[in-house]
Amino acid sequence: MRQLSAAGLSCFMLDNYGTGDSEGDLDTASTAIWREDIVQLLRQLQQQGFTEVSFVAIRFGALQLFDLLNSSPMPLTVKQIVLWQPFFEVAKFWQQFARIRVAEAMARGEKLSQKELEQQLNNGNTIEIAGYPISPAFYQSLLKMQTQLPTALNSLAVSWFETSQLDSIALPVQKMRDTLQHVCELQFYQLKADPYWQTNELASADELIRLTIHQLTTMPA
């Protein structure tokens, strides 16, 4: 965000309600609240005279962005979308997130499955994953997200940056890339770099940032 700002772009980085430095607690949050907060921000920007917006969506942020585009009229014209290591299915996101709790239980010698976690939520119980309280309402809001590929993508430039230690493109990534190429103008890049999204240590993403800035600052108006 700092480098984009230095390049002359007005930038906003969001903390979802109940996360980061935002107000509220996660156990009272929902994806619907998060979506409405983004809409309110876009409306405020429109009132301030902005006419266009570009998005950098990271991991789960891609699901949030698609849900936004599928659910709400956009107050501003979407100029460009940049995806970093995106999730395209809520089920896969939830599976990876729930796996953290399952692994914690295994480390204590306990048996726990994703299905059992979901049953606890469906029974009205809040569960904890990696220190985060996940409420039944939040879980249900995840399932209700509209994350199919938005029709708005047909007229948009989309850049997808995938970080991998592989020399070739993984088959699931390749399949999704092929699907996206049929619905939008897609620029796909695979970089060999540290897995910044899953390390507990500081990870360098200099090339990823450089390419992202290039994409967002050189596209014709």
C-alpha atoms as a PDB file:
ATOM      1  CA  MET A   1       0.000   0.000   0.000  1.00  0.00           C
ATOM      2  CA  ARG A   2       2.840   2.392   0.800  1.00  0.00           C
ATOM      3  CA  GLN A   3       4.511   1.770  -2.543  1.00  0.00           C
ATOM      4  CA  LEU A   4       1.255   2.175  -4.448  1.00  0.00           C
ATOM      5  CA  SER A   5       0.635   5.430  -2.586  1.00  0.00           C
ATOM      6  CA  ALA A   6       4.124   6.623  -3.479  1.00  0.00           C
ATOM      7  CA  ALA A   7       3.274   5.845  -7.121  1.00  0.00           C
ATOM      8  CA  GLY A   8       0.313   8.228  -6.940  1.00  0.00           C
ATOM      9  CA  LEU A   9      -2.610   5.945  -6.132  1.00  0.00           C
ATOM     10  CA  SER A  10      -5.051   6.574  -3.283  1.00  0.00           C
ATOM     11  CA  CYS A  11      -4.978   3.377  -1.216  1.00  0.00           C
ATOM     12  CA  PHE A  12      -7.141   1.847   1.473  1.00  0.00           C
ATOM     13  CA  MET A  13      -6.319  -1.356   3.357  1.00  0.00           C
ATOM     14  CA  LEU A  14      -9.222  -2.837   5.286  1.00  0.00           C
ATOM     15  CA  ASP A  15      -9.421  -4.687   8.571  1.00  0.00           C
ATOM     16  CA  ASN A  16     -12.672  -6.629   8.544  1.00  0.00           C
ATOM     17  CA  TYR A  17     -15.021  -6.041  11.478  1.00  0.00           C
ATOM     18  CA  GLY A  18     -13.812  -8.108  14.432  1.00  0.00           C
ATOM     19  CA  THR A  19     -10.287  -8.477  13.045  1.00  0.00           C
ATOM     20  CA  GLY A  20      -7.040  -6.508  13.191  1.00  0.00           C
ATOM     21  CA  ASP A  21      -7.505  -3.014  14.578  1.00  0.00           C
ATOM     22  CA  SER A  22     -11.188  -2.728  13.658  1.00  0.00           C
ATOM     23  CA  GLU A  23     -13.997  -2.503  16.163  1.00  0.00           C
ATOM     24  CA  GLY A  24     -16.044  -5.482  17.345  1.00  0.00           C
ATOM     25  CA  ASP A  25     -15.220  -9.096  18.074  1.00  0.00           C
ATOM     26  CA  LEU A  26     -14.981 -11.907  15.562  1.00  0.00           C
ATOM     27  CA  ASP A  27     -17.693 -13.948  17.270  1.00  0.00           C
ATOM     28  CA  THR A  28     -20.174 -11.165  16.418  1.00  0.00           C
ATOM     29  CA  ALA A  29     -18.974 -10.754  12.825  1.00  0.00           C
ATOM     30  CA  SER A  30     -20.345 -12.176   9.591  1.00  0.00           C
ATOM     31  CA  THR A  31     -19.321 -12.064   5.956  1.00  0.00           C
ATOM     32  CA  ALA A  32     -22.481 -10.024   5.285  1.00  0.00           C
ATOM     33  CA  ILE A  33     -21.237  -7.325   7.689  1.00  0.00           C
ATOM     34  CA  TRP A  34     -17.850  -7.349   5.965  1.00  0.00           C
ATOM     35  CA  ARG A  35     -19.488  -6.992   2.551  1.00  0.00           C
ATOM     36  CA  GLU A  36     -21.686  -4.089   3.642  1.00  0.00           C
ATOM     37  CA  ASP A  37     -18.695  -2.293   5.169  1.00  0.00           C
ATOM     38  CA  ILE A  38     -16.903  -2.439   1.815  1.00  0.00           C
ATOM     39  CA  VAL A  39     -19.988  -1.098   0.051  1.00  0.00           C
ATOM     40  CA  GLN A  40     -20.172   1.780   2.541  1.00  0.00           C
ATOM     41  CA  LEU A  41     -16.513   2.610   1.906  1.00  0.00           C
ATOM     42  CA  LEU A  42     -17.071   2.656  -1.859  1.00  0.00           C
ATOM     43  CA  ARG A  43     -20.061   4.967  -1.404  1.00  0.00           C
ATOM     44  CA  GLN A  44     -17.975   7.328   0.707  1.00  0.00           C
ATOM     45  CA  LEU A  45     -15.265   7.340  -1.967  1.00  0.00           C
ATOM     46  CA  GLN A  46     -17.892   8.116  -4.598  1.00  0.00           C
ATOM     47  CA  GLN A  47     -19.079  11.084  -2.526  1.00  0.00           C
ATOM     48  CA  GLN A  48     -15.483  12.293  -2.332  1.00  0.00           C
ATOM     49  CA  GLY A  49     -15.272  12.379  -6.130  1.00  0.00           C
ATOM     50  CA  PHE A  50     -13.641   9.053  -6.953  1.00  0.00           C
ATOM     51  CA  THR A  51     -15.015   7.338 -10.075  1.00  0.00           C
ATOM     52  CA  GLU A  52     -12.914   4.162 -10.376  1.00  0.00           C
ATOM     53  CA  VAL A  53     -11.548   1.518  -8.037  1.00  0.00           C
ATOM     54  CA  SER A  54      -9.110  -1.382  -8.377  1.00  0.00           C
ATOM     55  CA  PHE A  55      -8.865  -4.262  -5.932  1.00  0.00           C
ATOM     56  CA  VAL A  56      -5.950  -6.308  -4.620  1.00  0.00           C
ATOM     57  CA  ALA A  57      -7.572  -9.429  -3.164  1.00  0.00           C
ATOM     58  CA  ILE A  58      -5.400 -11.791  -1.122  1.00  0.00           C
ATOM     59  CA  ARG A  59      -6.362 -15.416  -0.392  1.00  0.00           C
ATOM     60  CA  PHE A  60      -9.868 -15.331   1.197  1.00  0.00           C
ATOM     61  CA  GLY A  61     -10.144 -11.776  -0.116  1.00  0.00           C
ATOM     62  CA  ALA A  62     -10.866 -13.188  -3.581  1.00  0.00           C
ATOM     63  CA  LEU A  63     -13.984 -14.885  -2.207  1.00  0.00           C
ATOM     64  CA  GLN A  64     -15.011 -11.656  -0.515  1.00  0.00           C
ATOM     65  CA  LEU A  65     -14.518  -9.736  -3.746  1.00  0.00           C
ATOM     66  CA  PHE A  66     -16.565 -12.169  -5.833  1.00  0.00           C
ATOM     67  CA  ASP A  67     -19.311 -12.128  -3.194  1.00  0.00           C
ATOM     68  CA  LEU A  68     -19.284  -8.324  -3.353  1.00  0.00           C
ATOM     69  CA  LEU A  69     -19.491  -8.228  -7.151  1.00  0.00           C
ATOM     70  CA  ASN A  70     -22.294 -10.819  -7.182  1.00  0.00           C
ATOM     71  CA  SER A  71     -24.341  -9.197  -4.408  1.00  0.00           C
ATOM     72  CA  SER A  72     -24.164  -5.429  -4.649  1.00  0.00           C
ATOM     73  CA  PRO A  73     -24.342  -2.714  -7.321  1.00  0.00           C
ATOM     74  CA  MET A  74     -20.899  -1.115  -7.431  1.00  0.00           C
ATOM     75  CA  PRO A  75     -20.865   2.618  -6.607  1.00  0.00           C
ATOM     76  CA  LEU A  76     -17.576   2.965  -8.523  1.00  0.00           C
ATOM     77  CA  THR A  77     -16.429   1.542 -11.839  1.00  0.00           C
ATOM     78  CA  VAL A  78     -14.090  -1.408 -11.268  1.00  0.00           C
ATOM     79  CA  LYS A  79     -10.958  -0.803 -13.320  1.00  0.00           C
ATOM     80  CA  GLN A  80      -8.728  -3.732 -12.462  1.00  0.00           C
ATOM     81  CA  ILE A  81      -8.489  -6.745 -10.161  1.00  0.00           C
ATOM     82  CA  VAL A  82      -5.293  -8.284  -8.789  1.00  0.00           C
ATOM     83  CA  LEU A  83      -5.498 -11.668  -7.055  1.00  0.00           C
ATOM     84  CA  TRP A  84      -2.772 -12.980  -4.758  1.00  0.00           C
ATOM     85  CA  GLN A  85      -2.866 -16.754  -4.106  1.00  0.00           C
ATOM     86  CA  PRO A  86      -6.663 -16.695  -4.332  1.00  0.00           C
ATOM     87  CA  PHE A  87      -9.229 -19.097  -2.990  1.00  0.00           C
ATOM     88  CA  PHE A  88     -12.038 -19.726  -5.462  1.00  0.00           C
ATOM     89  CA  GLU A  89     -14.188 -22.035  -3.317  1.00  0.00           C
ATOM     90  CA  VAL A  90     -15.466 -21.414   0.210  1.00  0.00           C
ATOM     91  CA  ALA A  91     -15.384 -25.156   0.858  1.00  0.00           C
ATOM     92  CA  LYS A  92     -11.650 -25.332   0.205  1.00  0.00           C
ATOM     93  CA  PHE A  93     -10.989 -22.294   2.392  1.00  0.00           C
ATOM     94  CA  TRP A  94     -13.027 -23.778   5.228  1.00  0.00           C
ATOM     95  CA  GLN A  95     -11.348 -27.169   4.846  1.00  0.00           C
ATOM     96  CA  GLN A  96      -7.875 -25.641   5.194  1.00  0.00           C
ATOM     97  CA  PHE A  97      -8.948 -23.471   8.118  1.00  0.00           C
ATOM     98  CA  ALA A  98     -10.689 -26.331   9.967  1.00  0.00           C
ATOM     99  CA  ARG A  99      -7.607 -28.488   9.409  1.00  0.00           C
ATOM    100  CA  ILE A 100      -5.724 -26.228  11.835  1.00  0.00           C
ATOM    101  CA  ARG A 101      -8.099 -27.192  14.646  1.00  0.00           C
ATOM    102  CA  VAL A 102      -7.959 -30.862  13.696  1.00  0.00           C
ATOM    103  CA  ALA A 103      -4.139 -30.762  13.758  1.00  0.00           C
ATOM    104  CA  GLU A 104      -4.166 -29.084  17.190  1.00  0.00           C
ATOM    105  CA  ALA A 105      -6.351 -31.883  18.521  1.00  0.00           C
ATOM    106  CA  MET A 106      -4.108 -34.555  17.014  1.00  0.00           C
ATOM    107  CA  ALA A 107      -1.076 -32.964  18.683  1.00  0.00           C
ATOM    108  CA  ARG A 108      -2.836 -33.477  22.028  1.00  0.00           C
ATOM    109  CA  GLY A 109      -3.649 -37.082  21.188  1.00  0.00           C
ATOM    110  CA  GLU A 110      -7.324 -36.338  20.580  1.00  0.00           C
ATOM    111  CA  LYS A 111      -9.470 -37.382  17.651  1.00  0.00           C
ATOM    112  CA  LEU A 112     -11.433 -34.664  15.905  1.00  0.00           C
ATOM    113  CA  SER A 113     -12.772 -34.349  12.378  1.00  0.00           C
ATOM    114  CA  GLN A 114     -13.968 -31.465  10.241  1.00  0.00           C
ATOM    115  CA  LYS A 115     -17.423 -33.039  10.250  1.00  0.00           C
ATOM    116  CA  GLU A 116     -17.478 -32.985  14.064  1.00  0.00           C
ATOM    117  CA  LEU A 117     -16.513 -29.301  14.094  1.00  0.00           C
ATOM    118  CA  GLU A 118     -19.311 -28.524  11.666  1.00  0.00           C
ATOM    119  CA  GLN A 119     -21.756 -30.495  13.825  1.00  0.00           C
ATOM    120  CA  GLN A 120     -20.789 -28.402  16.852  1.00  0.00           C
ATOM    121  CA  LEU A 121     -21.478 -25.239  14.853  1.00  0.00           C
ATOM    122  CA  ASN A 122     -24.784 -26.593  13.549  1.00  0.00           C
ATOM    123  CA  ASN A 123     -25.739 -27.364  17.165  1.00  0.00           C
ATOM    124  CA  GLY A 124     -25.290 -23.700  18.040  1.00  0.00           C
ATOM    125  CA  ASN A 125     -21.854 -23.883  19.664  1.00  0.00           C
ATOM    126  CA  THR A 126     -18.993 -21.462  19.048  1.00  0.00           C
ATOM    127  CA  ILE A 127     -15.693 -23.193  18.309  1.00  0.00           C
ATOM    128  CA  GLU A 128     -12.141 -21.884  18.479  1.00  0.00           C
ATOM    129  CA  ILE A 129      -9.606 -22.254  15.678  1.00  0.00           C
ATOM    130  CA  ALA A 130      -6.072 -20.914  16.129  1.00  0.00           C
ATOM    131  CA  GLY A 131      -7.340 -18.555  18.815  1.00  0.00           C
ATOM    132  CA  TYR A 132     -10.238 -17.241  16.725  1.00  0.00           C
ATOM    133  CA  PRO A 133     -13.816 -17.742  17.962  1.00  0.00           C
ATOM    134  CA  ILE A 134     -15.966 -18.999  15.093  1.00  0.00           C
ATOM    135  CA  SER A 135     -19.656 -18.577  15.819  1.00  0.00           C
ATOM    136  CA  PRO A 136     -22.504 -20.531  14.210  1.00  0.00           C
ATOM    137  CA  ALA A 137     -23.713 -17.279  12.601  1.00  0.00           C
ATOM    138  CA  PHE A 138     -20.304 -16.615  11.067  1.00  0.00           C
ATOM    139  CA  TYR A 139     -20.068 -20.183   9.769  1.00  0.00           C
ATOM    140  CA  GLN A 140     -23.514 -19.937   8.184  1.00  0.00           C
ATOM    141  CA  SER A 141     -22.597 -16.613   6.591  1.00  0.00           C
ATOM    142  CA  LEU A 142     -19.598 -18.308   4.990  1.00  0.00           C
ATOM    143  CA  LEU A 143     -21.853 -20.917   3.427  1.00  0.00           C
ATOM    144  CA  LYS A 144     -24.176 -18.220   2.060  1.00  0.00           C
ATOM    145  CA  MET A 145     -21.461 -16.285   0.223  1.00  0.00           C
ATOM    146  CA  GLN A 146     -22.101 -15.931  -3.511  1.00  0.00           C
ATOM    147  CA  THR A 147     -18.655 -16.778  -4.828  1.00  0.00           C
ATOM    148  CA  GLN A 148     -19.396 -17.992  -8.341  1.00  0.00           C
ATOM    149  CA  LEU A 149     -17.418 -16.162 -11.020  1.00  0.00           C
ATOM    150  CA  PRO A 150     -19.106 -12.743 -11.337  1.00  0.00           C
ATOM    151  CA  THR A 151     -20.441 -11.729 -14.744  1.00  0.00           C
ATOM    152  CA  ALA A 152     -18.667  -8.399 -14.187  1.00  0.00           C
ATOM    153  CA  LEU A 153     -15.368 -10.189 -14.862  1.00  0.00           C
ATOM    154  CA  ASN A 154     -16.281 -10.344 -18.559  1.00  0.00           C
ATOM    155  CA  SER A 155     -15.297  -6.700 -18.994  1.00  0.00           C
ATOM    156  CA  LEU A 156     -12.408  -6.533 -16.524  1.00  0.00           C
ATOM    157  CA  ALA A 157      -8.653  -6.970 -16.599  1.00  0.00           C
ATOM    158  CA  VAL A 158      -7.683  -9.556 -13.995  1.00  0.00           C
ATOM    159  CA  SER A 159      -4.137 -10.344 -12.852  1.00  0.00           C
ATOM    160  CA  TRP A 160      -3.535 -13.552 -10.900  1.00  0.00           C
ATOM    161  CA  PHE A 161      -0.269 -13.938  -9.007  1.00  0.00           C
ATOM    162  CA  GLU A 162       0.405 -17.472  -7.757  1.00  0.00           C
ATOM    163  CA  THR A 163       3.424 -18.238  -5.564  1.00  0.00           C
ATOM    164  CA  SER A 164       4.789 -21.774  -5.758  1.00  0.00           C
ATOM    165  CA  GLN A 165       7.997 -23.727  -5.320  1.00  0.00           C
ATOM    166  CA  LEU A 166       7.010 -25.933  -8.276  1.00  0.00           C
ATOM    167  CA  ASP A 167       8.623 -25.629 -11.695  1.00  0.00           C
ATOM    168  CA  SER A 168       5.269 -26.255 -13.340  1.00  0.00           C
ATOM    169  CA  ILE A 169       1.733 -25.060 -12.665  1.00  0.00           C
ATOM    170  CA  ALA A 170      -0.264 -27.328 -10.342  1.00  0.00           C
ATOM    171  CA  LEU A 171      -3.217 -29.022 -12.053  1.00  0.00           C
ATOM    172  CA  PRO A 172      -5.983 -27.354  -9.954  1.00  0.00           C
ATOM    173  CA  VAL A 173      -4.405 -23.944 -10.637  1.00  0.00           C
ATOM    174  CA  GLN A 174      -4.118 -24.722 -14.332  1.00  0.00           C
ATOM    175  CA  LYS A 175      -7.781 -25.752 -14.527  1.00  0.00           C
ATOM    176  CA  MET A 176      -8.931 -22.572 -12.790  1.00  0.00           C
ATOM    177  CA  ARG A 177      -6.671 -20.465 -14.980  1.00  0.00           C
ATOM    178  CA  ASP A 178      -8.221 -22.009 -18.089  1.00  0.00           C
ATOM    179  CA  THR A 179     -11.709 -21.316 -16.732  1.00  0.00           C
ATOM    180  CA  LEU A 180     -10.917 -17.679 -15.988  1.00  0.00           C
ATOM    181  CA  GLN A 181      -9.354 -17.150 -19.402  1.00  0.00           C
ATOM    182  CA  HIS A 182     -12.735 -17.922 -20.952  1.00  0.00           C
ATOM    183  CA  VAL A 183     -14.560 -15.243 -18.950  1.00  0.00           C
ATOM    184  CA  CYS A 184     -12.103 -12.351 -18.596  1.00  0.00           C
ATOM    185  CA  GLU A 185      -8.888 -10.785 -19.833  1.00  0.00           C
ATOM    186  CA  LEU A 186      -6.515 -12.704 -17.554  1.00  0.00           C
ATOM    187  CA  GLN A 187      -2.817 -12.155 -16.895  1.00  0.00           C
ATOM    188  CA  PHE A 188      -1.415 -15.123 -14.956  1.00  0.00           C
ATOM    189  CA  TYR A 189       1.973 -15.105 -13.218  1.00  0.00           C
ATOM    190  CA  GLN A 190       3.574 -17.882 -11.189  1.00  0.00           C
ATOM    191  CA  LEU A 191       6.474 -16.809  -8.994  1.00  0.00           C
ATOM    192  CA  LYS A 192       9.018 -18.803  -7.044  1.00  0.00           C
ATOM    193  CA  ALA A 193       9.003 -17.097  -3.665  1.00  0.00           C
ATOM    194  CA  ASP A 194       8.451 -17.674   0.030  1.00  0.00           C
ATOM    195  CA  PRO A 195       4.920 -18.850   0.988  1.00  0.00           C
ATOM    196  CA  TYR A 196       4.090 -15.535   2.669  1.00  0.00           C
ATOM    197  CA  TRP A 197       0.551 -16.668   3.585  1.00  0.00           C
ATOM    198  CA  GLN A 198       1.545 -19.604   5.779  1.00  0.00           C
ATOM    199  CA  THR A 199       4.836 -18.730   7.462  1.00  0.00           C
ATOM    200  CA  ASN A 200       5.242 -17.556  11.055  1.00  0.00           C
ATOM    201  CA  GLU A 201       8.388 -15.701  10.042  1.00  0.00           C
ATOM    202  CA  LEU A 202       8.759 -12.552   7.957  1.00  0.00           C
ATOM    203  CA  ALA A 203       8.685 -13.498   4.268  1.00  0.00           C
ATOM    204  CA  SER A 204       9.955 -11.448   1.358  1.00  0.00           C
ATOM    205  CA  ALA A 205       7.496 -10.712  -1.437  1.00  0.00           C
ATOM    206  CA  ASP A 206       9.484  -8.023  -3.237  1.00  0.00           C
ATOM    207  CA  GLU A 207       8.963  -9.405  -6.755  1.00  0.00           C
ATOM    208  CA  LEU A 208       5.265  -9.942  -6.099  1.00  0.00           C
ATOM    209  CA  ILE A 209       4.896  -6.357  -4.932  1.00  0.00           C
ATOM    210  CA  ARG A 210       6.923  -5.031  -7.864  1.00  0.00           C
ATOM    211  CA  LEU A 211       4.782  -6.842 -10.433  1.00  0.00           C
ATOM    212  CA  THR A 212       1.569  -5.793  -8.694  1.00  0.00           C
ATOM    213  CA  ILE A 213       2.572  -2.137  -8.722  1.00  0.00           C
ATOM    214  CA  HIS A 214       3.496  -2.432 -12.389  1.00  0.00           C
ATOM    215  CA  GLN A 215       0.076  -3.887 -13.215  1.00  0.00           C
ATOM    216  CA  LEU A 216      -1.847  -1.225 -11.313  1.00  0.00           C
ATOM    217  CA  THR A 217       0.138   1.782 -12.484  1.00  0.00           C
ATOM    218  CA  THR A 218       0.742   1.048 -16.185  1.00  0.00           C
ATOM    219  CA  MET A 219      -2.700  -0.018 -17.365  1.00  0.00           C
ATOM    220  CA  PRO A 220      -4.170   2.611 -19.742  1.00  0.00           C
ATOM    221  CA  ALA A 221      -7.009   4.697 -18.349  1.00  0.00           C
END
